Each structure stands twice: as structure tokens, then as C-alpha cells.
Amino acid sequence: MDEAALKKKVRQHAETARLLGVDFVPRYRRRGAAANSAEAMVANEPAAAVLARPTVPESPSLAWAAAPALPAPAKPPVAPTLGLEALRVEKAKRLDELRQRYEKEAPHRNFVTAHTKVVWGDGDPHARLVFVGEAPGEEEDRQGIPFVGRSGELLNKAIIALGLKREDVYICNVLKTRPPDNAKPTDREVEACYPYLLAQLAIVAPSAIVVLGASALKALLKSDDSITRVRGTWKELALPDGTRIPVMPTFHPAYVLRNHTPEIRGQVWMDIKKAAKRSSEGSSTP
């Protein structure tokens, strides 16, 4: 072993010893080695003297490999989940009470519907990401759950592609009952249901909302903007309590099924990814 390599090896041993609490390097000789050899001179020096010398790693990319492994940092204490679960239970209770109030007041009695069930909402009552559509369809009305037909299957695929489950988000519609022949919601219908939607969103209190389709965009944000022009750009919903929630408009899954092109699918996927990223950051303003 040449002198430079030997010095380097001894310095490494000395550094390891220092990190372990050793204050000196034991004196030793290799059998047959001269007393005044470079190896003996370095080996007999105190660890402090060895470490005091400036050292230059042979290669920056290898510098980390020469250093001894440091103890793993202590893991922070696991935060109790009781508070979060209690909040989720409390929100679920408030959403159920709001639904009961809706069913008692039945605003849909003031307009023609073709519904058999109230389609309220589905998913995590404490979700960071919420999807809002316009109204239930035939399959949704049959099951009483939003987005369970072909449009729902497509939305589920997008949610799974985000690395989430349907149970991790919250899904609802502006209207809670199916319009006749799946017609576009009228202004009168929207106005009758709008206060319940705002109360629903206020309880969930998400970090981001994806609004699906032109009718839902117009209903939720009171906007006449073309969905083609504003999709992919952040908007904002102001709740009655002053809370402001970022809103990402995009095409309705039914539109994607009718226009199943790589361009449309890519645009919707990009919009949903933006909203998912915003919701994971917990931001409350665009």
C-alpha cells in the first residue's frame, strides 16, 4: 500500500473512532515495518492531530462513501389520529343533517323532475379535493350515488391515476335530483339548489374543487364563460363565511366520452392533476 493510500485509510479509521467517542488512536506496528516508516508515524499520532490535517477527497462523487454512516435521526412522534377522525365524523354528521334538511324542504318540488332518489354526495366528508357536476343521470338516480354511470367510470379512472381512491375525494352535483331526460339544469332549478350546494362545500371545506362541464361552471361560479376558453385556468369560489376555494374548470366526463380524442383526454387529465396538486398543498387561494 503506498503512503498516500495508507494515510487516507488511517484518517478514515480515526474519524470513525472520533464519532464513536474514542479520543486517541492506539499505537501499533506492523510486523517487520521500520520504526520511522510513514505508516508507523501516522499510526502513532493522536486522533485529534490526524483529523486536524486538511483533507481533500479523491473525488466529490466518492466523498459520501468514505464517511461513516451517521445514526438515523429519531422519528418524530406519531401524531394522534383521533382528532382527524373526530373531525371526519363530525363533518359526516353535519352533511347528513344538511341532507335531512334538504329532503324536508325539498326544493326540487318547485320544478319538474324525473327522480326517484335524492343523489346527495359521495366520498370523504373531509376530502381535500372535491368534484362538482351538474345533475344526476339515470344510473345515479337509480343508485342514489353521484357519478356511477359511464361518466363515473371515467372519473374513477382519473382518480385512481392520481394515486387516490374514490373514498379519498368528495363528489357531488349542483342539482340533487335528476332532471327530465337528463336536461340541462335551468336557472330556476340552480337557484333553488344553490344554497344547499354552498353549505355542502362549506362543511367539506376542500383545498380545491374541480368543476365538471359548462353547466356546473355556470351554476357554481355564476359565470357565462365558455368552458373551452376557461378550462385549465384557476377560478375562485367565495363561500358565505368568507372562505375562498380555488376552482379548476374542466370538461365533463360525458363530453370526453363523446369526444374521445387524445387532445381532449390530455386536457382533462392535465386539469385534474393541477387540482390534485393544489389540494395536496392545502392552499386556499389561487
C-alpha atoms as a PDB file:
ATOM      1  CA  MET A   1       0.000   0.000   0.000  1.00  0.00           C
ATOM      2  CA  ASP A   2       1.522   3.373  -0.987  1.00  0.00           C
ATOM      3  CA  GLU A   3       1.947   6.193   1.527  1.00  0.00           C
ATOM      4  CA  ALA A   4      -0.964   8.361   0.302  1.00  0.00           C
ATOM      5  CA  ALA A   5      -3.449   5.471   0.418  1.00  0.00           C
ATOM      6  CA  LEU A   6      -2.213   4.474   3.845  1.00  0.00           C
ATOM      7  CA  LYS A   7      -2.660   7.983   5.252  1.00  0.00           C
ATOM      8  CA  LYS A   8      -6.138   8.165   3.857  1.00  0.00           C
ATOM      9  CA  LYS A   9      -7.112   4.833   5.420  1.00  0.00           C
ATOM     10  CA  VAL A  10      -5.760   5.869   8.816  1.00  0.00           C
ATOM     11  CA  ARG A  11      -7.659   9.167   8.687  1.00  0.00           C
ATOM     12  CA  GLN A  12     -10.862   7.285   7.957  1.00  0.00           C
ATOM     13  CA  HIS A  13     -10.310   4.998  10.960  1.00  0.00           C
ATOM     14  CA  ALA A  14      -9.525   7.986  13.137  1.00  0.00           C
ATOM     15  CA  GLU A  15     -12.692   9.813  12.058  1.00  0.00           C
ATOM     16  CA  THR A  16     -14.743   6.710  12.786  1.00  0.00           C
ATOM     17  CA  ALA A  17     -13.131   6.428  16.207  1.00  0.00           C
ATOM     18  CA  ARG A  18     -13.845  10.071  16.980  1.00  0.00           C
ATOM     19  CA  LEU A  19     -17.538   9.673  16.099  1.00  0.00           C
ATOM     20  CA  LEU A  20     -17.695   6.675  18.409  1.00  0.00           C
ATOM     21  CA  GLY A  21     -16.197   8.674  21.325  1.00  0.00           C
ATOM     22  CA  VAL A  22     -12.574   7.466  21.129  1.00  0.00           C
ATOM     23  CA  ASP A  23     -10.025  10.211  21.931  1.00  0.00           C
ATOM     24  CA  PHE A  24      -6.883   8.509  20.645  1.00  0.00           C
ATOM     25  CA  VAL A  25      -5.589   6.025  18.115  1.00  0.00           C
ATOM     26  CA  PRO A  26      -3.741   3.096  19.700  1.00  0.00           C
ATOM     27  CA  ARG A  27      -0.032   2.736  18.946  1.00  0.00           C
ATOM     28  CA  TYR A  28       0.795  -0.272  16.862  1.00  0.00           C
ATOM     29  CA  ARG A  29       3.466  -1.542  14.462  1.00  0.00           C
ATOM     30  CA  ARG A  30       3.140  -3.842  11.580  1.00  0.00           C
ATOM     31  CA  ARG A  31       5.459  -6.834  11.787  1.00  0.00           C
ATOM     32  CA  GLY A  32       8.743  -6.050  10.018  1.00  0.00           C
ATOM     33  CA  ALA A  33       7.945  -2.415   9.437  1.00  0.00           C
ATOM     34  CA  ALA A  34      10.627   0.212  10.141  1.00  0.00           C
ATOM     35  CA  ALA A  35      10.088   2.359  13.220  1.00  0.00           C
ATOM     36  CA  ASN A  36      10.477   5.534  11.236  1.00  0.00           C
ATOM     37  CA  SER A  37       8.269   4.466   8.344  1.00  0.00           C
ATOM     38  CA  ALA A  38       5.392   6.686   7.208  1.00  0.00           C
ATOM     39  CA  GLU A  39       2.891   4.034   8.354  1.00  0.00           C
ATOM     40  CA  ALA A  40       4.229   3.957  11.910  1.00  0.00           C
ATOM     41  CA  MET A  41       4.426   7.740  12.127  1.00  0.00           C
ATOM     42  CA  VAL A  42       0.819   8.200  11.139  1.00  0.00           C
ATOM     43  CA  ALA A  43      -0.451   5.310  13.254  1.00  0.00           C
ATOM     44  CA  ASN A  44       1.130   6.684  16.411  1.00  0.00           C
ATOM     45  CA  GLU A  45      -0.381  10.158  16.124  1.00  0.00           C
ATOM     46  CA  PRO A  46      -3.324  11.181  18.304  1.00  0.00           C
ATOM     47  CA  ALA A  47      -6.721  11.189  16.519  1.00  0.00           C
ATOM     48  CA  ALA A  48      -7.027  14.946  17.024  1.00  0.00           C
ATOM     49  CA  ALA A  49      -3.786  15.529  15.140  1.00  0.00           C
ATOM     50  CA  VAL A  50      -4.831  13.294  12.286  1.00  0.00           C
ATOM     51  CA  LEU A  51      -8.213  14.996  11.988  1.00  0.00           C
ATOM     52  CA  ALA A  52      -6.635  18.439  12.163  1.00  0.00           C
ATOM     53  CA  ARG A  53      -4.922  17.931   8.822  1.00  0.00           C
ATOM     54  CA  PRO A  54      -6.781  19.305   5.805  1.00  0.00           C
ATOM     55  CA  THR A  55      -8.137  16.513   3.655  1.00  0.00           C
ATOM     56  CA  VAL A  56      -9.212  16.603   0.041  1.00  0.00           C
ATOM     57  CA  PRO A  57     -11.432  13.770  -1.191  1.00  0.00           C
ATOM     58  CA  GLU A  58     -10.150  11.969  -4.244  1.00  0.00           C
ATOM     59  CA  SER A  59     -13.463  12.555  -5.998  1.00  0.00           C
ATOM     60  CA  PRO A  60     -16.540  14.593  -4.956  1.00  0.00           C
ATOM     61  CA  SER A  61     -18.750  11.731  -6.063  1.00  0.00           C
ATOM     62  CA  LEU A  62     -16.986   9.361  -3.668  1.00  0.00           C
ATOM     63  CA  ALA A  63     -16.709  11.695  -0.677  1.00  0.00           C
ATOM     64  CA  TRP A  64     -20.019  10.449   0.834  1.00  0.00           C
ATOM     65  CA  ALA A  65     -18.849   6.822   0.575  1.00  0.00           C
ATOM     66  CA  ALA A  66     -15.737   7.439   2.696  1.00  0.00           C
ATOM     67  CA  ALA A  67     -17.680   8.968   5.581  1.00  0.00           C
ATOM     68  CA  PRO A  68     -19.011   6.666   8.304  1.00  0.00           C
ATOM     69  CA  ALA A  69     -22.767   6.251   8.445  1.00  0.00           C
ATOM     70  CA  LEU A  70     -24.408   8.591  10.934  1.00  0.00           C
ATOM     71  CA  PRO A  71     -27.139   7.372  13.251  1.00  0.00           C
ATOM     72  CA  ALA A  72     -30.600   7.644  11.727  1.00  0.00           C
ATOM     73  CA  PRO A  73     -32.479  10.688  13.057  1.00  0.00           C
ATOM     74  CA  ALA A  74     -35.070   9.915  15.636  1.00  0.00           C
ATOM     75  CA  LYS A  75     -38.540   9.596  14.141  1.00  0.00           C
ATOM     76  CA  PRO A  76     -40.935  12.336  15.221  1.00  0.00           C
ATOM     77  CA  PRO A  77     -43.719  11.122  17.459  1.00  0.00           C
ATOM     78  CA  VAL A  78     -46.730   9.917  15.523  1.00  0.00           C
ATOM     79  CA  ALA A  79     -49.495  12.492  15.731  1.00  0.00           C
ATOM     80  CA  PRO A  80     -52.684  11.058  17.174  1.00  0.00           C
ATOM     81  CA  THR A  81     -55.334  10.422  14.548  1.00  0.00           C
ATOM     82  CA  LEU A  82     -58.210  10.776  16.947  1.00  0.00           C
ATOM     83  CA  GLY A  83     -58.567  14.484  16.205  1.00  0.00           C
ATOM     84  CA  LEU A  84     -58.727  13.931  12.451  1.00  0.00           C
ATOM     85  CA  GLU A  85     -61.141  11.042  12.726  1.00  0.00           C
ATOM     86  CA  ALA A  86     -63.315  13.003  15.143  1.00  0.00           C
ATOM     87  CA  LEU A  87     -63.401  15.861  12.627  1.00  0.00           C
ATOM     88  CA  ARG A  88     -64.348  13.475   9.838  1.00  0.00           C
ATOM     89  CA  VAL A  89     -67.164  12.013  11.927  1.00  0.00           C
ATOM     90  CA  GLU A  90     -68.381  15.489  12.865  1.00  0.00           C
ATOM     91  CA  LYS A  91     -68.432  16.597   9.211  1.00  0.00           C
ATOM     92  CA  ALA A  92     -70.272  13.442   8.167  1.00  0.00           C
ATOM     93  CA  LYS A  93     -72.888  14.189  10.806  1.00  0.00           C
ATOM     94  CA  ARG A  94     -73.290  17.782   9.599  1.00  0.00           C
ATOM     95  CA  LEU A  95     -73.599  16.633   5.982  1.00  0.00           C
ATOM     96  CA  ASP A  96     -76.283  14.139   6.995  1.00  0.00           C
ATOM     97  CA  GLU A  97     -78.167  16.841   8.878  1.00  0.00           C
ATOM     98  CA  LEU A  98     -77.954  19.116   5.822  1.00  0.00           C
ATOM     99  CA  ARG A  99     -79.273  16.308   3.637  1.00  0.00           C
ATOM    100  CA  GLN A 100     -82.194  15.777   6.004  1.00  0.00           C
ATOM    101  CA  ARG A 101     -82.959  19.480   5.830  1.00  0.00           C
ATOM    102  CA  TYR A 102     -82.827  19.361   2.037  1.00  0.00           C
ATOM    103  CA  GLU A 103     -85.174  16.381   1.908  1.00  0.00           C
ATOM    104  CA  LYS A 104     -87.566  18.096   4.336  1.00  0.00           C
ATOM    105  CA  GLU A 105     -87.604  21.390   2.454  1.00  0.00           C
ATOM    106  CA  ALA A 106     -87.480  19.583  -0.922  1.00  0.00           C
ATOM    107  CA  PRO A 107     -86.639  22.497  -3.240  1.00  0.00           C
ATOM    108  CA  HIS A 108     -86.997  20.116  -6.200  1.00  0.00           C
ATOM    109  CA  ARG A 109     -90.761  20.102  -5.619  1.00  0.00           C
ATOM    110  CA  ASN A 110     -90.805  23.551  -7.160  1.00  0.00           C
ATOM    111  CA  PHE A 111     -89.799  22.256 -10.572  1.00  0.00           C
ATOM    112  CA  VAL A 112     -90.345  19.219 -12.741  1.00  0.00           C
ATOM    113  CA  THR A 113     -88.059  16.286 -12.024  1.00  0.00           C
ATOM    114  CA  ALA A 114     -87.812  12.701 -13.109  1.00  0.00           C
ATOM    115  CA  HIS A 115     -86.119  11.493  -9.987  1.00  0.00           C
ATOM    116  CA  THR A 116     -86.735   8.516  -7.748  1.00  0.00           C
ATOM    117  CA  LYS A 117     -83.945   9.234  -5.248  1.00  0.00           C
ATOM    118  CA  VAL A 118     -82.097  12.233  -3.875  1.00  0.00           C
ATOM    119  CA  VAL A 119     -78.479  11.993  -5.019  1.00  0.00           C
ATOM    120  CA  TRP A 120     -76.608  13.843  -2.302  1.00  0.00           C
ATOM    121  CA  GLY A 121     -72.875  13.207  -2.306  1.00  0.00           C
ATOM    122  CA  ASP A 122     -70.253  10.502  -2.031  1.00  0.00           C
ATOM    123  CA  GLY A 123     -66.778  10.144  -0.561  1.00  0.00           C
ATOM    124  CA  ASP A 124     -64.699  11.562   2.255  1.00  0.00           C
ATOM    125  CA  PRO A 125     -66.527  14.313   4.189  1.00  0.00           C
ATOM    126  CA  HIS A 126     -63.106  15.800   4.990  1.00  0.00           C
ATOM    127  CA  ALA A 127     -61.703  15.482   1.443  1.00  0.00           C
ATOM    128  CA  ARG A 128     -59.077  17.929   0.218  1.00  0.00           C
ATOM    129  CA  LEU A 129     -60.299  17.521  -3.384  1.00  0.00           C
ATOM    130  CA  VAL A 130     -63.948  17.847  -4.477  1.00  0.00           C
ATOM    131  CA  PHE A 131     -65.556  17.195  -7.873  1.00  0.00           C
ATOM    132  CA  VAL A 132     -68.801  19.038  -8.719  1.00  0.00           C
ATOM    133  CA  GLY A 133     -71.005  18.036 -11.643  1.00  0.00           C
ATOM    134  CA  GLU A 134     -74.293  19.459 -12.853  1.00  0.00           C
ATOM    135  CA  ALA A 135     -77.009  16.864 -12.087  1.00  0.00           C
ATOM    136  CA  PRO A 136     -77.588  13.133 -11.617  1.00  0.00           C
ATOM    137  CA  GLY A 137     -78.230  10.917 -14.610  1.00  0.00           C
ATOM    138  CA  GLU A 138     -80.335   7.798 -14.945  1.00  0.00           C
ATOM    139  CA  GLU A 139     -77.894   5.404 -13.255  1.00  0.00           C
ATOM    140  CA  GLU A 140     -77.124   7.917 -10.492  1.00  0.00           C
ATOM    141  CA  ASP A 141     -80.835   8.295  -9.805  1.00  0.00           C
ATOM    142  CA  ARG A 142     -81.247   4.528  -9.670  1.00  0.00           C
ATOM    143  CA  GLN A 143     -78.419   4.047  -7.139  1.00  0.00           C
ATOM    144  CA  GLY A 144     -78.688   7.372  -5.302  1.00  0.00           C
ATOM    145  CA  ILE A 145     -74.940   7.971  -5.770  1.00  0.00           C
ATOM    146  CA  PRO A 146     -73.314  10.639  -7.979  1.00  0.00           C
ATOM    147  CA  PHE A 147     -71.139   9.657 -10.950  1.00  0.00           C
ATOM    148  CA  VAL A 148     -71.680   5.904 -11.078  1.00  0.00           C
ATOM    149  CA  GLY A 149     -72.639   5.578 -14.764  1.00  0.00           C
ATOM    150  CA  ARG A 150     -70.255   5.679 -17.729  1.00  0.00           C
ATOM    151  CA  SER A 151     -69.154   9.192 -16.787  1.00  0.00           C
ATOM    152  CA  GLY A 152     -68.488   7.972 -13.273  1.00  0.00           C
ATOM    153  CA  GLU A 153     -66.345   5.104 -14.560  1.00  0.00           C
ATOM    154  CA  LEU A 154     -64.203   7.576 -16.476  1.00  0.00           C
ATOM    155  CA  LEU A 155     -63.908   9.862 -13.445  1.00  0.00           C
ATOM    156  CA  ASN A 156     -62.947   6.890 -11.280  1.00  0.00           C
ATOM    157  CA  LYS A 157     -60.115   6.060 -13.687  1.00  0.00           C
ATOM    158  CA  ALA A 158     -58.765   9.598 -13.386  1.00  0.00           C
ATOM    159  CA  ILE A 159     -58.951   9.471  -9.583  1.00  0.00           C
ATOM    160  CA  ILE A 160     -57.102   6.151  -9.494  1.00  0.00           C
ATOM    161  CA  ALA A 161     -54.487   7.515 -11.894  1.00  0.00           C
ATOM    162  CA  LEU A 162     -53.823  10.259  -9.348  1.00  0.00           C
ATOM    163  CA  GLY A 163     -52.876   7.576  -6.842  1.00  0.00           C
ATOM    164  CA  LEU A 164     -56.117   8.102  -4.925  1.00  0.00           C
ATOM    165  CA  LYS A 165     -59.291   6.149  -4.309  1.00  0.00           C
ATOM    166  CA  ARG A 166     -62.825   7.364  -4.778  1.00  0.00           C
ATOM    167  CA  GLU A 167     -63.136   7.265  -0.982  1.00  0.00           C
ATOM    168  CA  ASP A 168     -60.344   9.855  -0.728  1.00  0.00           C
ATOM    169  CA  VAL A 169     -62.275  12.593  -2.578  1.00  0.00           C
ATOM    170  CA  TYR A 170     -65.796  14.018  -2.367  1.00  0.00           C
ATOM    171  CA  ILE A 171     -68.190  14.044  -5.331  1.00  0.00           C
ATOM    172  CA  CYS A 172     -71.499  15.872  -5.676  1.00  0.00           C
ATOM    173  CA  ASN A 173     -73.723  17.716  -8.151  1.00  0.00           C
ATOM    174  CA  VAL A 174     -75.319  21.128  -8.257  1.00  0.00           C
ATOM    175  CA  LEU A 175     -78.775  19.545  -8.546  1.00  0.00           C
ATOM    176  CA  LYS A 176     -79.586  16.703  -6.180  1.00  0.00           C
ATOM    177  CA  THR A 177     -82.337  15.205  -8.337  1.00  0.00           C
ATOM    178  CA  ARG A 178     -82.386  14.051 -11.944  1.00  0.00           C
ATOM    179  CA  PRO A 179     -83.892  16.499 -14.480  1.00  0.00           C
ATOM    180  CA  PRO A 180     -86.363  15.081 -17.029  1.00  0.00           C
ATOM    181  CA  ASP A 181     -84.484  13.375 -19.884  1.00  0.00           C
ATOM    182  CA  ASN A 182     -81.191  14.490 -18.320  1.00  0.00           C
ATOM    183  CA  ALA A 183     -81.893  18.046 -19.469  1.00  0.00           C
ATOM    184  CA  LYS A 184     -79.529  20.886 -18.706  1.00  0.00           C
ATOM    185  CA  PRO A 185     -80.381  22.477 -15.329  1.00  0.00           C
ATOM    186  CA  THR A 186     -82.415  25.667 -15.635  1.00  0.00           C
ATOM    187  CA  ASP A 187     -81.582  28.878 -13.802  1.00  0.00           C
ATOM    188  CA  ARG A 188     -84.623  28.354 -11.581  1.00  0.00           C
ATOM    189  CA  GLU A 189     -83.524  24.859 -10.635  1.00  0.00           C
ATOM    190  CA  VAL A 190     -79.989  26.023  -9.893  1.00  0.00           C
ATOM    191  CA  GLU A 191     -81.148  28.891  -7.706  1.00  0.00           C
ATOM    192  CA  ALA A 192     -83.364  26.559  -5.679  1.00  0.00           C
ATOM    193  CA  CYS A 193     -80.481  24.127  -5.005  1.00  0.00           C
ATOM    194  CA  TYR A 194     -77.538  26.528  -4.858  1.00  0.00           C
ATOM    195  CA  PRO A 195     -77.688  27.352  -1.106  1.00  0.00           C
ATOM    196  CA  TYR A 196     -77.547  23.657  -0.243  1.00  0.00           C
ATOM    197  CA  LEU A 197     -74.538  23.160  -2.516  1.00  0.00           C
ATOM    198  CA  LEU A 198     -72.664  26.040  -0.886  1.00  0.00           C
ATOM    199  CA  ALA A 199     -73.479  24.677   2.572  1.00  0.00           C
ATOM    200  CA  GLN A 200     -72.302  21.242   1.466  1.00  0.00           C
ATOM    201  CA  LEU A 201     -68.972  22.618   0.228  1.00  0.00           C
ATOM    202  CA  ALA A 202     -68.548  24.742   3.341  1.00  0.00           C
ATOM    203  CA  ILE A 203     -68.810  21.636   5.528  1.00  0.00           C
ATOM    204  CA  VAL A 204     -66.301  19.624   3.495  1.00  0.00           C
ATOM    205  CA  ALA A 205     -64.049  22.699   3.182  1.00  0.00           C
ATOM    206  CA  PRO A 206     -61.757  21.311   0.468  1.00  0.00           C
ATOM    207  CA  SER A 207     -58.469  22.816  -0.655  1.00  0.00           C
ATOM    208  CA  ALA A 208     -59.510  22.632  -4.341  1.00  0.00           C
ATOM    209  CA  ILE A 209     -62.608  21.980  -6.436  1.00  0.00           C
ATOM    210  CA  VAL A 210     -62.818  20.532  -9.947  1.00  0.00           C
ATOM    211  CA  VAL A 211     -65.975  21.769 -11.657  1.00  0.00           C
ATOM    212  CA  LEU A 212     -67.072  19.429 -14.439  1.00  0.00           C
ATOM    213  CA  GLY A 213     -68.685  20.935 -17.501  1.00  0.00           C
ATOM    214  CA  ALA A 214     -70.207  24.219 -18.650  1.00  0.00           C
ATOM    215  CA  SER A 215     -73.489  23.864 -16.754  1.00  0.00           C
ATOM    216  CA  ALA A 216     -71.754  23.158 -13.450  1.00  0.00           C
ATOM    217  CA  LEU A 217     -69.336  26.041 -14.082  1.00  0.00           C
ATOM    218  CA  LYS A 218     -72.171  28.462 -14.727  1.00  0.00           C
ATOM    219  CA  ALA A 219     -74.118  27.248 -11.688  1.00  0.00           C
ATOM    220  CA  LEU A 220     -71.229  27.157  -9.226  1.00  0.00           C
ATOM    221  CA  LEU A 221     -69.435  30.373 -10.201  1.00  0.00           C
ATOM    222  CA  LYS A 222     -72.331  32.337 -11.754  1.00  0.00           C
ATOM    223  CA  SER A 223     -70.227  32.535 -14.884  1.00  0.00           C
ATOM    224  CA  ASP A 224     -71.195  32.611 -18.562  1.00  0.00           C
ATOM    225  CA  ASP A 225     -67.618  31.867 -19.644  1.00  0.00           C
ATOM    226  CA  SER A 226     -67.159  29.166 -22.241  1.00  0.00           C
ATOM    227  CA  ILE A 227     -65.773  26.009 -20.680  1.00  0.00           C
ATOM    228  CA  THR A 228     -63.488  25.646 -23.712  1.00  0.00           C
ATOM    229  CA  ARG A 229     -61.970  29.052 -23.038  1.00  0.00           C
ATOM    230  CA  VAL A 230     -61.546  28.849 -19.260  1.00  0.00           C
ATOM    231  CA  ARG A 231     -60.761  25.177 -18.662  1.00  0.00           C
ATOM    232  CA  GLY A 232     -57.332  24.736 -17.169  1.00  0.00           C
ATOM    233  CA  THR A 233     -57.314  28.202 -15.571  1.00  0.00           C
ATOM    234  CA  TRP A 234     -57.873  28.808 -11.876  1.00  0.00           C
ATOM    235  CA  LYS A 235     -61.088  30.455 -10.715  1.00  0.00           C
ATOM    236  CA  GLU A 236     -62.333  31.067  -7.190  1.00  0.00           C
ATOM    237  CA  LEU A 237     -65.461  30.299  -5.208  1.00  0.00           C
ATOM    238  CA  ALA A 238     -66.349  32.621  -2.325  1.00  0.00           C
ATOM    239  CA  LEU A 239     -68.426  30.954   0.386  1.00  0.00           C
ATOM    240  CA  PRO A 240     -70.842  32.922   2.564  1.00  0.00           C
ATOM    241  CA  ASP A 241     -68.446  32.725   5.535  1.00  0.00           C
ATOM    242  CA  GLY A 242     -65.716  34.439   3.509  1.00  0.00           C
ATOM    243  CA  THR A 243     -63.732  31.288   2.729  1.00  0.00           C
ATOM    244  CA  ARG A 244     -62.313  31.296  -0.791  1.00  0.00           C
ATOM    245  CA  ILE A 245     -61.671  27.996  -2.541  1.00  0.00           C
ATOM    246  CA  PRO A 246     -59.650  27.545  -5.769  1.00  0.00           C
ATOM    247  CA  VAL A 247     -61.736  26.090  -8.591  1.00  0.00           C
ATOM    248  CA  MET A 248     -60.400  24.297 -11.676  1.00  0.00           C
ATOM    249  CA  PRO A 249     -62.915  24.105 -14.561  1.00  0.00           C
ATOM    250  CA  THR A 250     -62.625  21.222 -16.990  1.00  0.00           C
ATOM    251  CA  PHE A 251     -64.783  19.233 -19.402  1.00  0.00           C
ATOM    252  CA  HIS A 252     -67.476  16.918 -18.071  1.00  0.00           C
ATOM    253  CA  PRO A 253     -66.626  13.203 -18.413  1.00  0.00           C
ATOM    254  CA  ALA A 254     -69.691  12.793 -20.645  1.00  0.00           C
ATOM    255  CA  TYR A 255     -68.160  15.299 -23.071  1.00  0.00           C
ATOM    256  CA  VAL A 256     -64.907  13.334 -23.024  1.00  0.00           C
ATOM    257  CA  LEU A 257     -66.807  10.133 -23.849  1.00  0.00           C
ATOM    258  CA  ARG A 258     -68.414  11.879 -26.826  1.00  0.00           C
ATOM    259  CA  ASN A 259     -65.132  13.447 -27.935  1.00  0.00           C
ATOM    260  CA  HIS A 260     -62.679  10.717 -27.023  1.00  0.00           C
ATOM    261  CA  THR A 261     -59.605  12.234 -28.652  1.00  0.00           C
ATOM    262  CA  PRO A 262     -56.072  12.240 -27.229  1.00  0.00           C
ATOM    263  CA  GLU A 263     -56.210  16.046 -27.088  1.00  0.00           C
ATOM    264  CA  ILE A 264     -59.405  16.234 -25.013  1.00  0.00           C
ATOM    265  CA  ARG A 265     -58.338  13.405 -22.712  1.00  0.00           C
ATOM    266  CA  GLY A 266     -54.960  15.058 -22.220  1.00  0.00           C
ATOM    267  CA  GLN A 267     -56.520  18.419 -21.383  1.00  0.00           C
ATOM    268  CA  VAL A 268     -58.849  16.960 -18.762  1.00  0.00           C
ATOM    269  CA  TRP A 269     -56.067  14.906 -17.228  1.00  0.00           C
ATOM    270  CA  MET A 270     -53.827  17.960 -17.015  1.00  0.00           C
ATOM    271  CA  ASP A 271     -56.608  19.994 -15.336  1.00  0.00           C
ATOM    272  CA  ILE A 272     -57.326  17.291 -12.764  1.00  0.00           C
ATOM    273  CA  LYS A 273     -53.627  16.902 -11.969  1.00  0.00           C
ATOM    274  CA  LYS A 274     -53.353  20.649 -11.318  1.00  0.00           C
ATOM    275  CA  ALA A 275     -56.254  20.487  -8.890  1.00  0.00           C
ATOM    276  CA  ALA A 276     -54.856  17.416  -7.142  1.00  0.00           C
ATOM    277  CA  LYS A 277     -51.516  19.148  -6.683  1.00  0.00           C
ATOM    278  CA  ARG A 278     -53.198  22.271  -5.285  1.00  0.00           C
ATOM    279  CA  SER A 279     -55.290  20.187  -2.892  1.00  0.00           C
ATOM    280  CA  SER A 280     -52.228  18.305  -1.626  1.00  0.00           C
ATOM    281  CA  GLU A 281     -50.524  21.615  -0.897  1.00  0.00           C
ATOM    282  CA  GLY A 282     -53.516  22.694   1.170  1.00  0.00           C
ATOM    283  CA  SER A 283     -53.689  26.118  -0.472  1.00  0.00           C
ATOM    284  CA  SER A 284     -56.863  28.141  -0.014  1.00  0.00           C
ATOM    285  CA  THR A 285     -56.203  30.793  -2.625  1.00  0.00           C
ATOM    286  CA  PRO A 286     -55.232  30.512  -6.305  1.00  0.00           C
END
